Amino acid sequence: MNNQTDFYTKTMANVYTEQGYFAKAVEIYRHLLKYDPESRELNDLLSEVEKKLNEKQKKDRESLEKLFRKWIYLQLSCNMLQKLKNKEL
């Protein structure tokens, strides 16, 4: 093992999961499965965390989409106001 993977344990993956760092937990479970590929428990935990990661990524994409829509709306509104201001001058 190297320094980075010295702390790759189920407990550490669980801590990352509880803190919402699902990608890091997935990384740890995949690493652990390299050494114990038949572990039903590790496979189940990995599957559970991957599901949470996918849900989080979906929510993040939806939030980002809403933010971009609002930004575009504000940009268009600003442009329209600028045009109206220029017509008045």
C-alpha atoms as a PDB file:
ATOM      1  CA  MET A   1       0.000   0.000   0.000  1.00  0.00           C
ATOM      2  CA  ASN A   2       1.006   3.584  -0.412  1.00  0.00           C
ATOM      3  CA  ASN A   3       0.392   6.526   1.901  1.00  0.00           C
ATOM      4  CA  GLN A   4      -2.856   7.527   0.218  1.00  0.00           C
ATOM      5  CA  THR A   5      -4.429   4.104   0.503  1.00  0.00           C
ATOM      6  CA  ASP A   6      -3.156   3.289   3.993  1.00  0.00           C
ATOM      7  CA  PHE A   7      -6.417   4.595   5.439  1.00  0.00           C
ATOM      8  CA  TYR A   8      -8.717   2.892   2.932  1.00  0.00           C
ATOM      9  CA  THR A   9     -10.999   0.956   5.259  1.00  0.00           C
ATOM     10  CA  LYS A  10     -14.730   0.311   5.434  1.00  0.00           C
ATOM     11  CA  THR A  11     -14.854   2.662   8.396  1.00  0.00           C
ATOM     12  CA  MET A  12     -13.207   5.464   6.434  1.00  0.00           C
ATOM     13  CA  ALA A  13     -15.569   4.899   3.511  1.00  0.00           C
ATOM     14  CA  ASN A  14     -18.481   5.047   5.939  1.00  0.00           C
ATOM     15  CA  VAL A  15     -17.214   8.341   7.356  1.00  0.00           C
ATOM     16  CA  TYR A  16     -16.957   9.810   3.855  1.00  0.00           C
ATOM     17  CA  THR A  17     -20.462   8.552   3.060  1.00  0.00           C
ATOM     18  CA  GLU A  18     -21.911  10.116   6.207  1.00  0.00           C
ATOM     19  CA  GLN A  19     -20.216  13.412   5.335  1.00  0.00           C
ATOM     20  CA  GLY A  20     -21.611  13.315   1.783  1.00  0.00           C
ATOM     21  CA  TYR A  21     -18.293  12.638   0.048  1.00  0.00           C
ATOM     22  CA  PHE A  22     -19.735   9.814  -2.004  1.00  0.00           C
ATOM     23  CA  ALA A  23     -17.102   9.838  -4.757  1.00  0.00           C
ATOM     24  CA  LYS A  24     -14.339   9.319  -2.211  1.00  0.00           C
ATOM     25  CA  ALA A  25     -16.299   6.508  -0.535  1.00  0.00           C
ATOM     26  CA  VAL A  26     -16.779   4.828  -3.932  1.00  0.00           C
ATOM     27  CA  GLU A  27     -13.035   5.114  -4.565  1.00  0.00           C
ATOM     28  CA  ILE A  28     -12.289   3.408  -1.247  1.00  0.00           C
ATOM     29  CA  TYR A  29     -14.814   0.600  -1.755  1.00  0.00           C
ATOM     30  CA  ARG A  30     -13.445  -0.097  -5.236  1.00  0.00           C
ATOM     31  CA  HIS A  31      -9.943  -0.218  -3.807  1.00  0.00           C
ATOM     32  CA  LEU A  32     -11.020  -2.632  -1.078  1.00  0.00           C
ATOM     33  CA  LEU A  33     -12.793  -4.820  -3.618  1.00  0.00           C
ATOM     34  CA  LYS A  34      -9.529  -5.277  -5.511  1.00  0.00           C
ATOM     35  CA  TYR A  35      -8.281  -7.224  -2.503  1.00  0.00           C
ATOM     36  CA  ASP A  36     -11.569  -8.956  -1.691  1.00  0.00           C
ATOM     37  CA  PRO A  37     -13.648  -9.085  -4.894  1.00  0.00           C
ATOM     38  CA  GLU A  38     -16.017 -11.745  -3.559  1.00  0.00           C
ATOM     39  CA  SER A  39     -17.092  -9.692  -0.544  1.00  0.00           C
ATOM     40  CA  ARG A  40     -20.855  -9.416  -0.713  1.00  0.00           C
ATOM     41  CA  GLU A  41     -20.806  -6.730   1.990  1.00  0.00           C
ATOM     42  CA  LEU A  42     -18.346  -4.518   0.100  1.00  0.00           C
ATOM     43  CA  ASN A  43     -20.279  -4.957  -3.137  1.00  0.00           C
ATOM     44  CA  ASP A  44     -23.530  -4.027  -1.398  1.00  0.00           C
ATOM     45  CA  LEU A  45     -21.961  -0.993   0.259  1.00  0.00           C
ATOM     46  CA  LEU A  46     -20.435   0.115  -3.044  1.00  0.00           C
ATOM     47  CA  SER A  47     -23.762  -0.249  -4.805  1.00  0.00           C
ATOM     48  CA  GLU A  48     -25.524   1.770  -2.096  1.00  0.00           C
ATOM     49  CA  VAL A  49     -22.981   4.600  -2.209  1.00  0.00           C
ATOM     50  CA  GLU A  50     -22.943   4.676  -6.025  1.00  0.00           C
ATOM     51  CA  LYS A  51     -26.714   5.123  -5.927  1.00  0.00           C
ATOM     52  CA  LYS A  52     -26.345   8.039  -3.498  1.00  0.00           C
ATOM     53  CA  LEU A  53     -23.615   9.537  -5.690  1.00  0.00           C
ATOM     54  CA  ASN A  54     -25.829   9.314  -8.780  1.00  0.00           C
ATOM     55  CA  GLU A  55     -28.718  10.956  -6.924  1.00  0.00           C
ATOM     56  CA  LYS A  56     -26.455  13.756  -5.704  1.00  0.00           C
ATOM     57  CA  GLN A  57     -25.038  14.325  -9.181  1.00  0.00           C
ATOM     58  CA  LYS A  58     -28.563  14.478 -10.600  1.00  0.00           C
ATOM     59  CA  LYS A  59     -29.601  17.062  -7.998  1.00  0.00           C
ATOM     60  CA  ASP A  60     -26.418  19.047  -8.673  1.00  0.00           C
ATOM     61  CA  ARG A  61     -27.146  19.054 -12.428  1.00  0.00           C
ATOM     62  CA  GLU A  62     -30.720  20.175 -11.804  1.00  0.00           C
ATOM     63  CA  SER A  63     -29.549  22.976  -9.505  1.00  0.00           C
ATOM     64  CA  LEU A  64     -26.956  24.070 -12.019  1.00  0.00           C
ATOM     65  CA  GLU A  65     -29.537  24.050 -14.800  1.00  0.00           C
ATOM     66  CA  LYS A  66     -31.832  26.288 -12.721  1.00  0.00           C
ATOM     67  CA  LEU A  67     -28.966  28.624 -11.990  1.00  0.00           C
ATOM     68  CA  PHE A  68     -28.030  28.893 -15.682  1.00  0.00           C
ATOM     69  CA  ARG A  69     -31.655  29.537 -16.633  1.00  0.00           C
ATOM     70  CA  LYS A  70     -31.843  32.350 -14.100  1.00  0.00           C
ATOM     71  CA  TRP A  71     -28.523  33.780 -15.286  1.00  0.00           C
ATOM     72  CA  ILE A  72     -29.668  33.734 -18.931  1.00  0.00           C
ATOM     73  CA  TYR A  73     -32.937  35.395 -17.964  1.00  0.00           C
ATOM     74  CA  LEU A  74     -31.066  38.112 -16.080  1.00  0.00           C
ATOM     75  CA  GLN A  75     -28.670  38.615 -19.005  1.00  0.00           C
ATOM     76  CA  LEU A  76     -31.557  39.000 -21.440  1.00  0.00           C
ATOM     77  CA  SER A  77     -33.345  41.369 -19.065  1.00  0.00           C
ATOM     78  CA  CYS A  78     -30.214  43.440 -18.667  1.00  0.00           C
ATOM     79  CA  ASN A  79     -29.755  43.613 -22.438  1.00  0.00           C
ATOM     80  CA  MET A  80     -33.363  44.703 -22.922  1.00  0.00           C
ATOM     81  CA  LEU A  81     -33.017  47.392 -20.261  1.00  0.00           C
ATOM     82  CA  GLN A  82     -29.818  48.617 -21.882  1.00  0.00           C
ATOM     83  CA  LYS A  83     -31.560  48.873 -25.260  1.00  0.00           C
ATOM     84  CA  LEU A  84     -34.456  50.779 -23.707  1.00  0.00           C
ATOM     85  CA  LYS A  85     -32.038  53.109 -21.956  1.00  0.00           C
ATOM     86  CA  ASN A  86     -30.179  53.776 -25.210  1.00  0.00           C
ATOM     87  CA  LYS A  87     -33.455  54.592 -27.017  1.00  0.00           C
ATOM     88  CA  GLU A  88     -34.325  57.165 -24.367  1.00  0.00           C
ATOM     89  CA  LEU A  89     -31.006  58.943 -24.755  1.00  0.00           C
END
